[in-house]
Amino acid sequence: MNTFKKYWSGLEDRERLTLSVGGIVVLIILFYMSVWRPWHVAIDTMNVSVQALRSNLIWMRQQSDNWAAIGGSGQSGSKFSGADQSLLSVVEKTANRSKLTKSIQQLVPSKDGSEVRVVLDGVDFNVWVTWIDHLYKQYGVDIKQVTAERDEDVPNVAEVRVTFVR
């Protein structure tokens, strides 16, 4: 500390003033970069997040009102066709209508009837996609698992393994 006092007293007034002002400027810059700026960036980020969350909340409330208006009381099967039919019969019936029965190799229901596993070979992929779209929109049938492998020799033909649930 004594060496610093000796050094400081050995400087001219103009040099001391320059070093003092420079030290204050460096302290101000350090305070701005390490405290002030990160603090305001965090506040701005939180304001943007709050706005996004508010708009999500408004949208969710609107969707909740819409759901309540259409009778969404947790009974998802009631608004679909064939709600009183088993999943297996719905899958078979719609496959017949879509002319997919020739492609079906296996049609296996689960023990409790909540799932149906279907293996199709040599199926027209576009017809299959239309079929699953119809199952979803008209009957509320979802896909639990699906694998599809295209036929190398024939375009737009695939082997598909799919598990349906409702």
N, C-alpha and C. Protein backbone atom coordinates (compact mmCIF):
# COMPACT_ATOMS: atom_id res chain seq x y z
N MET A 1 0.82 -1.19 0.00
CA MET A 1 0.00 0.00 0.00
C MET A 1 0.87 1.26 0.00
N ASN A 2 2.00 1.16 0.68
CA ASN A 2 2.91 2.31 0.71
C ASN A 2 3.48 2.61 -0.66
N THR A 3 3.71 1.56 -1.44
CA THR A 3 4.25 1.79 -2.79
C THR A 3 3.24 2.50 -3.66
N PHE A 4 1.95 2.19 -3.46
CA PHE A 4 0.90 2.86 -4.23
C PHE A 4 0.82 4.34 -3.83
N LYS A 5 0.91 4.63 -2.52
CA LYS A 5 0.87 6.03 -2.05
C LYS A 5 2.05 6.81 -2.59
N LYS A 6 3.23 6.17 -2.59
CA LYS A 6 4.41 6.83 -3.14
C LYS A 6 4.22 7.12 -4.63
N TYR A 7 3.71 6.11 -5.33
CA TYR A 7 3.47 6.27 -6.77
C TYR A 7 2.46 7.39 -7.01
N TRP A 8 1.38 7.39 -6.23
CA TRP A 8 0.31 8.38 -6.42
C TRP A 8 0.80 9.79 -6.09
N SER A 9 1.57 9.93 -5.04
CA SER A 9 2.07 11.26 -4.68
C SER A 9 3.14 11.73 -5.66
N GLY A 10 3.77 10.81 -6.35
CA GLY A 10 4.78 11.19 -7.32
C GLY A 10 4.19 11.64 -8.64
N LEU A 11 2.90 11.52 -8.84
CA LEU A 11 2.25 11.93 -10.09
C LEU A 11 1.92 13.41 -10.05
N GLU A 12 1.84 14.02 -11.22
CA GLU A 12 1.41 15.41 -11.29
C GLU A 12 -0.11 15.46 -11.17
N ASP A 13 -0.62 16.64 -10.86
CA ASP A 13 -2.06 16.81 -10.67
C ASP A 13 -2.85 16.37 -11.90
N ARG A 14 -2.36 16.73 -13.07
CA ARG A 14 -3.06 16.37 -14.31
C ARG A 14 -3.10 14.86 -14.50
N GLU A 15 -2.04 14.13 -14.18
CA GLU A 15 -1.99 12.68 -14.30
C GLU A 15 -2.94 12.02 -13.30
N ARG A 16 -2.98 12.56 -12.03
CA ARG A 16 -3.90 12.03 -11.03
C ARG A 16 -5.34 12.21 -11.47
N LEU A 17 -5.66 13.37 -12.04
CA LEU A 17 -7.02 13.63 -12.51
C LEU A 17 -7.38 12.67 -13.65
N THR A 18 -6.46 12.45 -14.57
CA THR A 18 -6.71 11.54 -15.69
C THR A 18 -6.94 10.11 -15.19
N LEU A 19 -6.10 9.63 -14.28
CA LEU A 19 -6.27 8.28 -13.74
C LEU A 19 -7.56 8.15 -12.93
N SER A 20 -7.92 9.18 -12.18
CA SER A 20 -9.16 9.14 -11.39
C SER A 20 -10.38 9.08 -12.30
N VAL A 21 -10.41 9.94 -13.30
CA VAL A 21 -11.54 9.94 -14.24
C VAL A 21 -11.58 8.61 -15.00
N GLY A 22 -10.44 8.11 -15.42
CA GLY A 22 -10.39 6.82 -16.13
C GLY A 22 -10.88 5.68 -15.25
N GLY A 23 -10.48 5.70 -13.96
CA GLY A 23 -10.94 4.67 -13.03
C GLY A 23 -12.44 4.72 -12.82
N ILE A 24 -13.01 5.92 -12.73
CA ILE A 24 -14.45 6.07 -12.56
C ILE A 24 -15.18 5.58 -13.81
N VAL A 25 -14.66 5.91 -14.98
CA VAL A 25 -15.27 5.45 -16.23
C VAL A 25 -15.23 3.93 -16.32
N VAL A 26 -14.12 3.31 -15.94
CA VAL A 26 -14.01 1.86 -15.96
C VAL A 26 -15.00 1.24 -14.98
N LEU A 27 -15.14 1.82 -13.79
CA LEU A 27 -16.11 1.31 -12.82
C LEU A 27 -17.54 1.44 -13.34
N ILE A 28 -17.86 2.55 -14.00
CA ILE A 28 -19.20 2.73 -14.56
C ILE A 28 -19.46 1.70 -15.66
N ILE A 29 -18.48 1.47 -16.52
CA ILE A 29 -18.64 0.49 -17.60
C ILE A 29 -18.80 -0.93 -17.01
N LEU A 30 -17.99 -1.27 -16.01
CA LEU A 30 -18.12 -2.58 -15.37
C LEU A 30 -19.49 -2.74 -14.72
N PHE A 31 -19.97 -1.71 -14.02
CA PHE A 31 -21.30 -1.78 -13.41
C PHE A 31 -22.38 -1.95 -14.48
N TYR A 32 -22.27 -1.20 -15.55
CA TYR A 32 -23.27 -1.28 -16.62
C TYR A 32 -23.28 -2.68 -17.25
N MET A 33 -22.11 -3.21 -17.59
CA MET A 33 -22.02 -4.50 -18.28
C MET A 33 -22.32 -5.69 -17.38
N SER A 34 -22.00 -5.60 -16.09
CA SER A 34 -22.19 -6.76 -15.23
C SER A 34 -23.48 -6.73 -14.41
N VAL A 35 -24.08 -5.55 -14.22
CA VAL A 35 -25.29 -5.47 -13.39
C VAL A 35 -26.47 -4.88 -14.16
N TRP A 36 -26.30 -3.65 -14.60
CA TRP A 36 -27.42 -2.90 -15.18
C TRP A 36 -27.97 -3.54 -16.45
N ARG A 37 -27.12 -3.83 -17.42
CA ARG A 37 -27.58 -4.39 -18.70
C ARG A 37 -28.20 -5.78 -18.54
N PRO A 38 -27.55 -6.74 -17.86
CA PRO A 38 -28.18 -8.05 -17.69
C PRO A 38 -29.53 -7.97 -16.96
N TRP A 39 -29.64 -7.06 -16.02
CA TRP A 39 -30.88 -6.88 -15.29
C TRP A 39 -32.00 -6.43 -16.22
N HIS A 40 -31.73 -5.46 -17.07
CA HIS A 40 -32.75 -4.98 -18.00
C HIS A 40 -33.05 -5.97 -19.12
N VAL A 41 -32.06 -6.73 -19.56
CA VAL A 41 -32.32 -7.78 -20.55
C VAL A 41 -33.24 -8.84 -19.95
N ALA A 42 -33.00 -9.20 -18.69
CA ALA A 42 -33.85 -10.19 -18.03
C ALA A 42 -35.28 -9.65 -17.88
N ILE A 43 -35.43 -8.39 -17.54
CA ILE A 43 -36.76 -7.79 -17.41
C ILE A 43 -37.48 -7.79 -18.75
N ASP A 44 -36.78 -7.42 -19.82
CA ASP A 44 -37.39 -7.42 -21.15
C ASP A 44 -37.80 -8.82 -21.57
N THR A 45 -36.95 -9.81 -21.29
CA THR A 45 -37.27 -11.19 -21.63
C THR A 45 -38.50 -11.67 -20.86
N MET A 46 -38.57 -11.32 -19.59
CA MET A 46 -39.73 -11.71 -18.78
C MET A 46 -41.01 -11.03 -19.29
N ASN A 47 -40.91 -9.77 -19.71
CA ASN A 47 -42.09 -9.08 -20.25
C ASN A 47 -42.61 -9.77 -21.50
N VAL A 48 -41.69 -10.19 -22.36
CA VAL A 48 -42.10 -10.90 -23.58
C VAL A 48 -42.72 -12.25 -23.21
N SER A 49 -42.12 -12.95 -22.25
CA SER A 49 -42.66 -14.24 -21.83
C SER A 49 -44.05 -14.09 -21.22
N VAL A 50 -44.23 -13.06 -20.42
CA VAL A 50 -45.53 -12.83 -19.80
C VAL A 50 -46.58 -12.55 -20.87
N GLN A 51 -46.24 -11.76 -21.87
CA GLN A 51 -47.18 -11.47 -22.95
C GLN A 51 -47.55 -12.75 -23.69
N ALA A 52 -46.57 -13.59 -23.99
CA ALA A 52 -46.85 -14.85 -24.68
C ALA A 52 -47.72 -15.76 -23.83
N LEU A 53 -47.42 -15.84 -22.55
CA LEU A 53 -48.22 -16.69 -21.66
C LEU A 53 -49.64 -16.16 -21.51
N ARG A 54 -49.79 -14.83 -21.49
CA ARG A 54 -51.14 -14.26 -21.43
C ARG A 54 -51.94 -14.60 -22.68
N SER A 55 -51.30 -14.49 -23.85
CA SER A 55 -52.02 -14.83 -25.07
C SER A 55 -52.36 -16.32 -25.10
N ASN A 56 -51.47 -17.17 -24.60
CA ASN A 56 -51.78 -18.61 -24.50
C ASN A 56 -52.95 -18.86 -23.56
N LEU A 57 -52.98 -18.14 -22.44
CA LEU A 57 -54.07 -18.30 -21.49
C LEU A 57 -55.40 -17.88 -22.11
N ILE A 58 -55.40 -16.78 -22.85
CA ILE A 58 -56.62 -16.33 -23.52
C ILE A 58 -57.07 -17.38 -24.52
N TRP A 59 -56.13 -17.90 -25.30
CA TRP A 59 -56.48 -18.93 -26.29
C TRP A 59 -57.02 -20.17 -25.60
N MET A 60 -56.39 -20.60 -24.50
CA MET A 60 -56.85 -21.79 -23.78
C MET A 60 -58.25 -21.58 -23.22
N ARG A 61 -58.52 -20.41 -22.69
CA ARG A 61 -59.87 -20.14 -22.17
C ARG A 61 -60.90 -20.18 -23.29
N GLN A 62 -60.53 -19.63 -24.47
CA GLN A 62 -61.46 -19.69 -25.61
C GLN A 62 -61.71 -21.13 -26.02
N GLN A 63 -60.64 -21.94 -26.06
CA GLN A 63 -60.79 -23.33 -26.44
C GLN A 63 -61.61 -24.09 -25.41
N SER A 64 -61.42 -23.76 -24.15
CA SER A 64 -62.21 -24.39 -23.09
C SER A 64 -63.68 -24.04 -23.25
N ASP A 65 -63.97 -22.79 -23.56
CA ASP A 65 -65.36 -22.38 -23.79
C ASP A 65 -65.94 -23.10 -25.01
N ASN A 66 -65.13 -23.20 -26.08
CA ASN A 66 -65.59 -23.91 -27.28
C ASN A 66 -65.85 -25.37 -26.97
N TRP A 67 -64.96 -25.99 -26.21
CA TRP A 67 -65.10 -27.41 -25.86
C TRP A 67 -66.37 -27.62 -25.04
N ALA A 68 -66.59 -26.72 -24.10
CA ALA A 68 -67.80 -26.82 -23.28
C ALA A 68 -69.06 -26.61 -24.13
N ALA A 69 -68.96 -25.72 -25.12
CA ALA A 69 -70.12 -25.44 -25.97
C ALA A 69 -70.50 -26.63 -26.84
N ILE A 70 -69.51 -27.44 -27.26
CA ILE A 70 -69.83 -28.59 -28.11
C ILE A 70 -70.09 -29.84 -27.28
N GLY A 71 -70.07 -29.69 -25.98
CA GLY A 71 -70.42 -30.83 -25.13
C GLY A 71 -69.25 -31.69 -24.77
N GLY A 72 -68.07 -31.16 -24.71
CA GLY A 72 -66.88 -31.94 -24.37
C GLY A 72 -66.79 -32.18 -22.89
N SER A 73 -67.53 -33.12 -22.41
CA SER A 73 -67.55 -33.40 -20.97
C SER A 73 -66.69 -34.62 -20.63
N GLY A 74 -65.70 -34.90 -21.45
CA GLY A 74 -64.84 -36.04 -21.18
C GLY A 74 -65.31 -37.31 -21.84
N GLN A 75 -66.42 -37.29 -22.56
CA GLN A 75 -66.93 -38.47 -23.25
C GLN A 75 -66.58 -38.34 -24.72
N SER A 76 -65.33 -38.66 -25.04
CA SER A 76 -64.84 -38.42 -26.39
C SER A 76 -65.52 -39.30 -27.42
N GLY A 77 -66.00 -40.47 -27.04
CA GLY A 77 -66.60 -41.37 -28.01
C GLY A 77 -68.00 -40.97 -28.41
N SER A 78 -68.67 -40.13 -27.65
CA SER A 78 -70.07 -39.85 -27.90
C SER A 78 -70.31 -39.03 -29.16
N LYS A 79 -69.37 -38.24 -29.59
CA LYS A 79 -69.60 -37.41 -30.76
C LYS A 79 -69.15 -38.09 -32.07
N PHE A 80 -68.64 -39.30 -31.99
CA PHE A 80 -68.17 -40.01 -33.17
C PHE A 80 -69.17 -41.08 -33.58
N SER A 81 -69.14 -41.40 -34.86
CA SER A 81 -69.96 -42.50 -35.35
C SER A 81 -69.42 -43.81 -34.81
N GLY A 82 -70.28 -44.77 -34.62
CA GLY A 82 -69.85 -46.10 -34.20
C GLY A 82 -69.34 -46.17 -32.78
N ALA A 83 -69.74 -45.22 -31.93
CA ALA A 83 -69.26 -45.23 -30.54
C ALA A 83 -69.76 -46.45 -29.80
N ASP A 84 -70.89 -47.00 -30.25
CA ASP A 84 -71.44 -48.18 -29.59
C ASP A 84 -70.88 -49.49 -30.15
N GLN A 85 -70.05 -49.40 -31.19
CA GLN A 85 -69.47 -50.59 -31.80
C GLN A 85 -68.08 -50.83 -31.25
N SER A 86 -67.63 -52.06 -31.34
CA SER A 86 -66.26 -52.36 -30.89
C SER A 86 -65.26 -51.79 -31.89
N LEU A 87 -64.07 -51.57 -31.41
CA LEU A 87 -63.01 -51.05 -32.27
C LEU A 87 -62.72 -52.00 -33.42
N LEU A 88 -62.72 -53.30 -33.14
CA LEU A 88 -62.46 -54.29 -34.18
C LEU A 88 -63.49 -54.20 -35.30
N SER A 89 -64.77 -54.09 -34.95
CA SER A 89 -65.81 -54.04 -35.99
C SER A 89 -65.71 -52.74 -36.79
N VAL A 90 -65.36 -51.64 -36.14
CA VAL A 90 -65.20 -50.37 -36.85
C VAL A 90 -64.05 -50.47 -37.85
N VAL A 91 -62.92 -51.06 -37.41
CA VAL A 91 -61.76 -51.19 -38.29
C VAL A 91 -62.09 -52.10 -39.48
N GLU A 92 -62.76 -53.23 -39.20
CA GLU A 92 -63.13 -54.15 -40.29
C GLU A 92 -64.10 -53.49 -41.27
N LYS A 93 -65.11 -52.84 -40.75
CA LYS A 93 -66.13 -52.22 -41.59
C LYS A 93 -65.54 -51.14 -42.49
N THR A 94 -64.70 -50.30 -41.92
CA THR A 94 -64.12 -49.22 -42.72
C THR A 94 -63.08 -49.75 -43.70
N ALA A 95 -62.39 -50.82 -43.34
CA ALA A 95 -61.43 -51.43 -44.27
C ALA A 95 -62.17 -52.00 -45.48
N ASN A 96 -63.33 -52.63 -45.25
CA ASN A 96 -64.13 -53.15 -46.36
C ASN A 96 -64.58 -52.02 -47.28
N ARG A 97 -65.06 -50.93 -46.68
CA ARG A 97 -65.51 -49.78 -47.49
C ARG A 97 -64.37 -49.16 -48.28
N SER A 98 -63.17 -49.17 -47.71
CA SER A 98 -62.02 -48.57 -48.38
C SER A 98 -61.33 -49.54 -49.33
N LYS A 99 -61.88 -50.75 -49.46
CA LYS A 99 -61.34 -51.79 -50.34
C LYS A 99 -59.90 -52.15 -49.97
N LEU A 100 -59.68 -52.32 -48.67
CA LEU A 100 -58.37 -52.70 -48.16
C LEU A 100 -58.32 -54.15 -47.67
N THR A 101 -59.42 -54.87 -47.76
CA THR A 101 -59.46 -56.23 -47.19
C THR A 101 -58.47 -57.18 -47.87
N LYS A 102 -58.19 -56.96 -49.14
CA LYS A 102 -57.22 -57.84 -49.83
C LYS A 102 -55.81 -57.63 -49.30
N SER A 103 -55.53 -56.43 -48.82
CA SER A 103 -54.19 -56.13 -48.32
C SER A 103 -53.99 -56.54 -46.87
N ILE A 104 -55.06 -56.77 -46.13
CA ILE A 104 -54.94 -57.10 -44.71
C ILE A 104 -54.43 -58.53 -44.55
N GLN A 105 -53.29 -58.67 -43.86
CA GLN A 105 -52.70 -59.97 -43.58
C GLN A 105 -53.10 -60.46 -42.19
N GLN A 106 -53.18 -59.52 -41.24
CA GLN A 106 -53.55 -59.85 -39.87
C GLN A 106 -54.43 -58.74 -39.32
N LEU A 107 -55.39 -59.13 -38.50
CA LEU A 107 -56.26 -58.19 -37.80
C LEU A 107 -56.47 -58.78 -36.41
N VAL A 108 -55.71 -58.27 -35.43
CA VAL A 108 -55.68 -58.90 -34.11
C VAL A 108 -56.10 -57.90 -33.04
N PRO A 109 -57.21 -58.17 -32.36
CA PRO A 109 -57.60 -57.29 -31.25
C PRO A 109 -56.84 -57.64 -29.98
N SER A 110 -56.71 -56.68 -29.09
CA SER A 110 -56.10 -56.97 -27.79
C SER A 110 -57.11 -57.73 -26.93
N LYS A 111 -56.65 -58.25 -25.81
CA LYS A 111 -57.53 -59.06 -24.96
C LYS A 111 -58.72 -58.26 -24.44
N ASP A 112 -58.49 -56.98 -24.12
CA ASP A 112 -59.59 -56.18 -23.59
C ASP A 112 -60.34 -55.42 -24.68
N GLY A 113 -59.90 -55.53 -25.93
CA GLY A 113 -60.59 -54.91 -27.05
C GLY A 113 -60.32 -53.43 -27.22
N SER A 114 -59.38 -52.89 -26.45
CA SER A 114 -59.09 -51.46 -26.55
C SER A 114 -58.11 -51.13 -27.68
N GLU A 115 -57.45 -52.15 -28.23
CA GLU A 115 -56.49 -51.95 -29.32
C GLU A 115 -56.74 -52.99 -30.39
N VAL A 116 -56.41 -52.61 -31.63
CA VAL A 116 -56.46 -53.56 -32.75
C VAL A 116 -55.18 -53.38 -33.54
N ARG A 117 -54.47 -54.49 -33.74
CA ARG A 117 -53.23 -54.47 -34.53
C ARG A 117 -53.55 -54.99 -35.92
N VAL A 118 -53.16 -54.22 -36.93
CA VAL A 118 -53.44 -54.57 -38.32
C VAL A 118 -52.12 -54.60 -39.09
N VAL A 119 -51.94 -55.67 -39.88
CA VAL A 119 -50.79 -55.78 -40.77
C VAL A 119 -51.33 -55.81 -42.18
N LEU A 120 -50.88 -54.85 -42.98
CA LEU A 120 -51.31 -54.77 -44.39
C LEU A 120 -50.08 -54.95 -45.26
N ASP A 121 -50.22 -55.75 -46.31
CA ASP A 121 -49.10 -55.98 -47.22
C ASP A 121 -49.55 -55.64 -48.63
N GLY A 122 -48.71 -54.91 -49.35
CA GLY A 122 -49.04 -54.53 -50.72
C GLY A 122 -50.19 -53.54 -50.78
N VAL A 123 -50.26 -52.65 -49.81
CA VAL A 123 -51.35 -51.68 -49.75
C VAL A 123 -50.96 -50.39 -50.47
N ASP A 124 -51.91 -49.81 -51.17
CA ASP A 124 -51.71 -48.50 -51.79
C ASP A 124 -51.62 -47.48 -50.66
N PHE A 125 -50.49 -46.81 -50.56
CA PHE A 125 -50.25 -45.93 -49.42
C PHE A 125 -51.26 -44.79 -49.36
N ASN A 126 -51.62 -44.22 -50.48
CA ASN A 126 -52.59 -43.12 -50.49
C ASN A 126 -53.97 -43.59 -50.00
N VAL A 127 -54.37 -44.78 -50.38
CA VAL A 127 -55.65 -45.33 -49.92
C VAL A 127 -55.58 -45.58 -48.42
N TRP A 128 -54.44 -46.08 -47.93
CA TRP A 128 -54.27 -46.31 -46.50
C TRP A 128 -54.36 -45.01 -45.71
N VAL A 129 -53.70 -43.96 -46.20
CA VAL A 129 -53.74 -42.66 -45.51
C VAL A 129 -55.17 -42.12 -45.47
N THR A 130 -55.90 -42.27 -46.56
CA THR A 130 -57.29 -41.84 -46.59
C THR A 130 -58.12 -42.64 -45.58
N TRP A 131 -57.86 -43.92 -45.48
CA TRP A 131 -58.57 -44.78 -44.54
C TRP A 131 -58.33 -44.36 -43.09
N ILE A 132 -57.06 -44.15 -42.70
CA ILE A 132 -56.79 -43.77 -41.31
C ILE A 132 -57.33 -42.38 -41.01
N ASP A 133 -57.34 -41.50 -42.02
CA ASP A 133 -57.94 -40.18 -41.83
C ASP A 133 -59.44 -40.31 -41.54
N HIS A 134 -60.09 -41.17 -42.30
CA HIS A 134 -61.53 -41.42 -42.10
C HIS A 134 -61.77 -42.04 -40.71
N LEU A 135 -60.94 -42.99 -40.31
CA LEU A 135 -61.08 -43.60 -38.99
C LEU A 135 -60.95 -42.56 -37.89
N TYR A 136 -60.02 -41.65 -38.05
CA TYR A 136 -59.79 -40.64 -37.03
C TYR A 136 -60.94 -39.63 -36.97
N LYS A 137 -61.32 -39.11 -38.13
CA LYS A 137 -62.33 -38.05 -38.16
C LYS A 137 -63.74 -38.55 -37.87
N GLN A 138 -64.10 -39.71 -38.39
CA GLN A 138 -65.47 -40.19 -38.24
C GLN A 138 -65.69 -41.04 -37.00
N TYR A 139 -64.67 -41.79 -36.58
CA TYR A 139 -64.85 -42.76 -35.50
C TYR A 139 -64.00 -42.48 -34.27
N GLY A 140 -63.15 -41.47 -34.33
CA GLY A 140 -62.32 -41.15 -33.17
C GLY A 140 -61.25 -42.18 -32.89
N VAL A 141 -60.80 -42.89 -33.91
CA VAL A 141 -59.79 -43.93 -33.74
C VAL A 141 -58.42 -43.29 -33.94
N ASP A 142 -57.53 -43.49 -32.97
CA ASP A 142 -56.17 -42.96 -33.04
C ASP A 142 -55.18 -44.07 -33.34
N ILE A 143 -54.00 -43.65 -33.75
CA ILE A 143 -52.91 -44.59 -34.00
C ILE A 143 -51.98 -44.58 -32.80
N LYS A 144 -51.73 -45.75 -32.24
CA LYS A 144 -50.80 -45.88 -31.13
C LYS A 144 -49.39 -46.08 -31.65
N GLN A 145 -49.26 -46.92 -32.68
CA GLN A 145 -47.94 -47.23 -33.22
C GLN A 145 -48.11 -47.57 -34.69
N VAL A 146 -47.15 -47.16 -35.50
CA VAL A 146 -47.20 -47.49 -36.93
C VAL A 146 -45.78 -47.62 -37.47
N THR A 147 -45.60 -48.60 -38.35
CA THR A 147 -44.38 -48.72 -39.13
C THR A 147 -44.80 -48.99 -40.57
N ALA A 148 -44.09 -48.39 -41.48
CA ALA A 148 -44.40 -48.58 -42.89
C ALA A 148 -43.10 -48.74 -43.67
N GLU A 149 -43.09 -49.73 -44.54
CA GLU A 149 -41.94 -49.96 -45.42
C GLU A 149 -42.43 -49.97 -46.85
N ARG A 150 -41.82 -49.17 -47.68
CA ARG A 150 -42.28 -49.11 -49.07
C ARG A 150 -41.77 -50.31 -49.86
N ASP A 151 -42.52 -50.67 -50.87
CA ASP A 151 -42.13 -51.75 -51.77
C ASP A 151 -41.16 -51.15 -52.78
N GLU A 152 -39.99 -51.73 -52.86
CA GLU A 152 -38.95 -51.20 -53.75
C GLU A 152 -39.34 -51.30 -55.23
N ASP A 153 -40.13 -52.31 -55.58
CA ASP A 153 -40.43 -52.57 -56.98
C ASP A 153 -41.64 -51.79 -57.48
N VAL A 154 -42.61 -51.58 -56.64
CA VAL A 154 -43.86 -50.95 -57.07
C VAL A 154 -43.99 -49.59 -56.38
N PRO A 155 -44.17 -48.52 -57.16
CA PRO A 155 -44.31 -47.21 -56.52
C PRO A 155 -45.65 -47.09 -55.77
N ASN A 156 -45.61 -46.35 -54.67
CA ASN A 156 -46.79 -46.03 -53.87
C ASN A 156 -47.42 -47.25 -53.20
N VAL A 157 -46.66 -48.32 -53.04
CA VAL A 157 -47.15 -49.53 -52.37
C VAL A 157 -46.24 -49.79 -51.18
N ALA A 158 -46.87 -50.20 -50.06
CA ALA A 158 -46.09 -50.37 -48.83
C ALA A 158 -46.61 -51.54 -48.02
N GLU A 159 -45.79 -51.97 -47.06
CA GLU A 159 -46.22 -52.90 -46.02
C GLU A 159 -46.37 -52.06 -44.76
N VAL A 160 -47.54 -52.11 -44.16
CA VAL A 160 -47.83 -51.25 -43.01
C VAL A 160 -48.26 -52.10 -41.82
N ARG A 161 -47.71 -51.80 -40.66
CA ARG A 161 -48.13 -52.41 -39.39
C ARG A 161 -48.61 -51.27 -38.52
N VAL A 162 -49.84 -51.34 -38.08
CA VAL A 162 -50.43 -50.25 -37.32
C VAL A 162 -51.24 -50.79 -36.15
N THR A 163 -51.17 -50.09 -35.03
CA THR A 163 -51.99 -50.41 -33.87
C THR A 163 -52.93 -49.24 -33.61
N PHE A 164 -54.24 -49.54 -33.65
CA PHE A 164 -55.27 -48.53 -33.44
C PHE A 164 -55.78 -48.58 -32.01
N VAL A 165 -56.14 -47.43 -31.46
CA VAL A 165 -56.77 -47.33 -30.14
C VAL A 165 -57.94 -46.36 -30.22
N ARG A 166 -58.85 -46.52 -29.27
CA ARG A 166 -59.96 -45.55 -29.20
C ARG A 166 -60.28 -45.27 -27.76
